[in-house]
């Protein structure tokens, strides 16, 4: 399995519907039940799982506030990302 670049992660996040990501994250958290000790050996602490749960709740709330009409990042954000990517490439 290859490691995704930052740009690939951003594109994946922009092109994947938020509701699908929230549902997937919920299923992943549910799958951790009963496997906490094994996950801790691999570096996933209870605090990390708690942070993931909290982040999912925050994202779901923001998604409800913004609605489905907000599919892409705001233009200033997209422009800043392009400038950052160009600077890193330089």
N, C-alpha and C. Protein backbone atom coordinates (compact mmCIF):
# COMPACT_ATOMS: atom_id res chain seq x y z
N UNK A 1 0.84 -1.16 0.00
CA UNK A 1 0.00 0.00 0.00
C UNK A 1 0.89 1.23 0.00
N UNK A 2 0.58 2.21 -0.84
CA UNK A 2 1.39 3.41 -0.92
C UNK A 2 0.83 4.49 0.00
N UNK A 3 1.70 5.40 0.41
CA UNK A 3 1.30 6.52 1.26
C UNK A 3 0.77 7.63 0.37
N UNK A 4 -0.40 8.18 0.74
CA UNK A 4 -0.99 9.26 -0.04
C UNK A 4 -0.27 10.57 0.23
N UNK A 5 -0.12 11.36 -0.82
CA UNK A 5 0.47 12.68 -0.64
C UNK A 5 -0.56 13.62 -0.03
N UNK A 6 -0.12 14.77 0.42
CA UNK A 6 -1.03 15.75 1.01
C UNK A 6 -2.09 16.16 -0.01
N UNK A 7 -1.67 16.39 -1.25
CA UNK A 7 -2.60 16.79 -2.30
C UNK A 7 -3.64 15.71 -2.58
N UNK A 8 -3.21 14.45 -2.56
CA UNK A 8 -4.15 13.35 -2.77
C UNK A 8 -5.16 13.26 -1.63
N UNK A 9 -4.71 13.51 -0.42
CA UNK A 9 -5.62 13.51 0.74
C UNK A 9 -6.64 14.63 0.62
N UNK A 10 -6.18 15.81 0.21
CA UNK A 10 -7.10 16.94 0.04
C UNK A 10 -8.12 16.62 -1.05
N UNK A 11 -7.68 16.10 -2.17
CA UNK A 11 -8.60 15.76 -3.26
C UNK A 11 -9.59 14.70 -2.82
N UNK A 12 -9.13 13.72 -2.07
CA UNK A 12 -10.02 12.68 -1.57
C UNK A 12 -11.07 13.28 -0.64
N UNK A 13 -10.64 14.18 0.24
CA UNK A 13 -11.57 14.83 1.15
C UNK A 13 -12.59 15.70 0.45
N UNK A 14 -12.17 16.39 -0.61
CA UNK A 14 -13.07 17.27 -1.35
C UNK A 14 -14.05 16.46 -2.19
N UNK A 15 -13.59 15.36 -2.75
CA UNK A 15 -14.43 14.61 -3.68
C UNK A 15 -15.32 13.56 -3.02
N UNK A 16 -15.10 13.27 -1.74
CA UNK A 16 -15.92 12.28 -1.04
C UNK A 16 -17.00 12.99 -0.24
N UNK A 17 -18.26 12.58 -0.41
CA UNK A 17 -19.34 13.23 0.34
C UNK A 17 -19.13 13.10 1.86
N UNK A 18 -19.38 14.19 2.57
CA UNK A 18 -19.17 14.23 4.01
C UNK A 18 -19.98 13.16 4.73
N UNK A 19 -21.22 12.97 4.31
CA UNK A 19 -22.05 11.97 4.99
C UNK A 19 -21.46 10.58 4.89
N UNK A 20 -20.85 10.25 3.74
CA UNK A 20 -20.21 8.94 3.59
C UNK A 20 -18.99 8.82 4.51
N UNK A 21 -18.22 9.90 4.66
CA UNK A 21 -17.06 9.86 5.55
C UNK A 21 -17.48 9.71 7.01
N UNK A 22 -18.54 10.42 7.39
CA UNK A 22 -19.03 10.32 8.77
C UNK A 22 -19.51 8.90 9.06
N UNK A 23 -20.23 8.33 8.12
CA UNK A 23 -20.73 6.96 8.29
C UNK A 23 -19.56 5.98 8.40
N UNK A 24 -18.57 6.13 7.52
CA UNK A 24 -17.40 5.25 7.53
C UNK A 24 -16.64 5.37 8.85
N UNK A 25 -16.44 6.61 9.33
CA UNK A 25 -15.71 6.82 10.58
C UNK A 25 -16.46 6.15 11.74
N UNK A 26 -17.78 6.25 11.74
CA UNK A 26 -18.58 5.61 12.79
C UNK A 26 -18.41 4.10 12.78
N UNK A 27 -18.40 3.52 11.60
CA UNK A 27 -18.21 2.07 11.49
C UNK A 27 -16.81 1.66 11.94
N UNK A 28 -15.80 2.47 11.62
CA UNK A 28 -14.44 2.16 12.04
C UNK A 28 -14.31 2.22 13.56
N UNK A 29 -14.91 3.23 14.16
CA UNK A 29 -14.87 3.34 15.63
C UNK A 29 -15.61 2.16 16.26
N UNK A 30 -16.74 1.77 15.69
CA UNK A 30 -17.49 0.62 16.21
C UNK A 30 -16.65 -0.66 16.13
N UNK A 31 -15.87 -0.78 15.07
CA UNK A 31 -15.04 -1.97 14.88
C UNK A 31 -13.91 -2.06 15.91
N UNK A 32 -13.59 -0.95 16.57
CA UNK A 32 -12.52 -0.98 17.57
C UNK A 32 -12.97 -1.58 18.89
N UNK A 33 -14.28 -1.67 19.11
CA UNK A 33 -14.81 -2.19 20.37
C UNK A 33 -14.28 -3.60 20.62
N UNK A 34 -13.68 -3.78 21.77
CA UNK A 34 -13.15 -5.09 22.14
C UNK A 34 -11.73 -5.33 21.66
N UNK A 35 -11.18 -4.41 20.88
CA UNK A 35 -9.83 -4.58 20.35
C UNK A 35 -8.89 -3.48 20.83
N UNK A 36 -9.28 -2.80 21.91
CA UNK A 36 -8.51 -1.64 22.37
C UNK A 36 -7.08 -1.99 22.75
N UNK A 37 -6.88 -3.12 23.43
CA UNK A 37 -5.52 -3.47 23.86
C UNK A 37 -4.63 -3.76 22.66
N UNK A 38 -5.17 -4.44 21.67
CA UNK A 38 -4.39 -4.73 20.46
C UNK A 38 -4.05 -3.44 19.72
N UNK A 39 -5.02 -2.52 19.68
CA UNK A 39 -4.78 -1.25 19.00
C UNK A 39 -3.75 -0.41 19.75
N UNK A 40 -3.78 -0.48 21.08
CA UNK A 40 -2.83 0.29 21.87
C UNK A 40 -1.40 -0.17 21.61
N UNK A 41 -1.21 -1.46 21.40
CA UNK A 41 0.12 -1.99 21.05
C UNK A 41 0.59 -1.38 19.73
N UNK A 42 -0.35 -1.07 18.86
CA UNK A 42 -0.02 -0.49 17.55
C UNK A 42 -0.02 1.04 17.56
N UNK A 43 -0.13 1.63 18.75
CA UNK A 43 -0.01 3.07 18.86
C UNK A 43 -1.31 3.85 18.85
N UNK A 44 -2.44 3.15 18.88
CA UNK A 44 -3.75 3.81 18.90
C UNK A 44 -4.27 3.77 20.33
N UNK A 45 -4.15 4.89 21.01
CA UNK A 45 -4.54 4.95 22.42
C UNK A 45 -6.03 5.25 22.57
N UNK A 46 -6.57 5.02 23.76
CA UNK A 46 -7.97 5.40 24.00
C UNK A 46 -8.21 6.89 23.75
N UNK A 47 -7.21 7.72 24.04
CA UNK A 47 -7.33 9.17 23.79
C UNK A 47 -7.47 9.44 22.30
N UNK A 48 -6.74 8.70 21.48
CA UNK A 48 -6.83 8.87 20.03
C UNK A 48 -8.23 8.50 19.54
N UNK A 49 -8.75 7.39 20.02
CA UNK A 49 -10.10 6.97 19.63
C UNK A 49 -11.14 8.00 20.08
N UNK A 50 -10.95 8.55 21.26
CA UNK A 50 -11.85 9.58 21.76
C UNK A 50 -11.78 10.83 20.89
N UNK A 51 -10.58 11.21 20.48
CA UNK A 51 -10.41 12.37 19.60
C UNK A 51 -11.10 12.14 18.26
N UNK A 52 -11.01 10.93 17.73
CA UNK A 52 -11.66 10.61 16.46
C UNK A 52 -13.17 10.71 16.60
N UNK A 53 -13.70 10.21 17.71
CA UNK A 53 -15.15 10.32 17.96
C UNK A 53 -15.58 11.78 18.02
N UNK A 54 -14.83 12.58 18.78
CA UNK A 54 -15.16 14.00 18.92
C UNK A 54 -15.07 14.73 17.59
N UNK A 55 -14.05 14.42 16.80
CA UNK A 55 -13.89 15.04 15.49
C UNK A 55 -15.06 14.70 14.58
N UNK A 56 -15.51 13.46 14.62
CA UNK A 56 -16.66 13.04 13.81
C UNK A 56 -17.91 13.83 14.20
N UNK A 57 -18.10 14.04 15.49
CA UNK A 57 -19.26 14.80 15.96
C UNK A 57 -19.18 16.25 15.48
N UNK A 58 -17.99 16.84 15.57
CA UNK A 58 -17.81 18.23 15.14
C UNK A 58 -18.05 18.34 13.63
N UNK A 59 -17.50 17.42 12.86
CA UNK A 59 -17.66 17.47 11.40
C UNK A 59 -19.12 17.28 11.03
N UNK A 60 -19.79 16.35 11.70
CA UNK A 60 -21.21 16.13 11.41
C UNK A 60 -22.03 17.39 11.72
N UNK A 61 -21.72 18.06 12.82
CA UNK A 61 -22.41 19.29 13.17
C UNK A 61 -22.17 20.39 12.16
N UNK A 62 -20.91 20.56 11.74
CA UNK A 62 -20.59 21.58 10.73
C UNK A 62 -21.26 21.26 9.40
N UNK A 63 -21.33 19.98 9.08
CA UNK A 63 -21.98 19.57 7.82
C UNK A 63 -23.46 19.94 7.86
N UNK A 64 -24.10 19.72 9.00
CA UNK A 64 -25.51 20.08 9.14
C UNK A 64 -25.69 21.60 9.02
N UNK A 65 -24.77 22.36 9.63
CA UNK A 65 -24.85 23.83 9.57
C UNK A 65 -24.70 24.34 8.14
N UNK A 66 -23.75 23.78 7.41
CA UNK A 66 -23.45 24.26 6.07
C UNK A 66 -24.37 23.65 5.02
N UNK A 67 -24.90 22.49 5.29
CA UNK A 67 -25.76 21.83 4.32
C UNK A 67 -24.95 21.19 3.21
N UNK A 68 -25.67 20.61 2.26
CA UNK A 68 -25.01 19.92 1.14
C UNK A 68 -24.54 20.87 0.05
N UNK A 69 -24.88 22.15 0.16
CA UNK A 69 -24.51 23.08 -0.90
C UNK A 69 -23.03 23.42 -0.89
N UNK A 70 -22.34 23.13 0.20
CA UNK A 70 -20.92 23.47 0.32
C UNK A 70 -20.07 22.25 -0.04
N UNK A 71 -19.78 22.09 -1.32
CA UNK A 71 -19.04 20.91 -1.77
C UNK A 71 -17.54 21.16 -1.89
N UNK A 72 -17.14 22.35 -2.25
CA UNK A 72 -15.73 22.65 -2.47
C UNK A 72 -15.23 23.64 -1.44
N UNK A 73 -13.92 23.71 -1.22
CA UNK A 73 -13.42 24.71 -0.29
C UNK A 73 -13.66 26.11 -0.85
N UNK A 74 -13.78 27.11 0.04
CA UNK A 74 -13.96 28.48 -0.44
C UNK A 74 -12.82 28.88 -1.36
N UNK A 75 -13.08 29.76 -2.30
CA UNK A 75 -12.07 30.16 -3.27
C UNK A 75 -10.78 30.67 -2.63
N UNK A 76 -10.84 31.51 -1.56
CA UNK A 76 -9.58 31.93 -0.94
C UNK A 76 -8.77 30.74 -0.41
N UNK A 77 -9.44 29.74 0.11
CA UNK A 77 -8.75 28.55 0.63
C UNK A 77 -8.11 27.78 -0.52
N UNK A 78 -8.85 27.61 -1.60
CA UNK A 78 -8.31 26.90 -2.76
C UNK A 78 -7.10 27.64 -3.33
N UNK A 79 -7.18 28.96 -3.41
CA UNK A 79 -6.06 29.76 -3.91
C UNK A 79 -4.85 29.63 -2.99
N UNK A 80 -5.08 29.72 -1.69
CA UNK A 80 -3.97 29.58 -0.73
C UNK A 80 -3.32 28.21 -0.84
N UNK A 81 -4.12 27.18 -1.05
CA UNK A 81 -3.56 25.82 -1.19
C UNK A 81 -2.72 25.72 -2.46
N UNK A 82 -3.19 26.31 -3.56
CA UNK A 82 -2.41 26.28 -4.80
C UNK A 82 -1.08 27.00 -4.64
N UNK A 83 -1.11 28.16 -3.95
CA UNK A 83 0.12 28.94 -3.72
C UNK A 83 1.07 28.13 -2.84
N UNK A 84 0.54 27.48 -1.78
CA UNK A 84 1.37 26.67 -0.90
C UNK A 84 2.01 25.53 -1.66
N UNK A 85 1.20 24.85 -2.49
CA UNK A 85 1.72 23.72 -3.27
C UNK A 85 2.81 24.17 -4.23
N UNK A 86 2.62 25.34 -4.88
CA UNK A 86 3.64 25.87 -5.79
C UNK A 86 4.92 26.20 -5.03
N UNK A 87 4.77 26.79 -3.83
CA UNK A 87 5.94 27.15 -3.03
C UNK A 87 6.72 25.91 -2.61
N UNK A 88 6.00 24.88 -2.18
CA UNK A 88 6.67 23.65 -1.79
C UNK A 88 7.35 22.99 -3.00
N UNK A 89 6.68 23.05 -4.15
CA UNK A 89 7.27 22.49 -5.37
C UNK A 89 8.51 23.23 -5.83
N UNK A 90 8.55 24.52 -5.55
CA UNK A 90 9.69 25.34 -5.95
C UNK A 90 10.90 24.98 -5.11
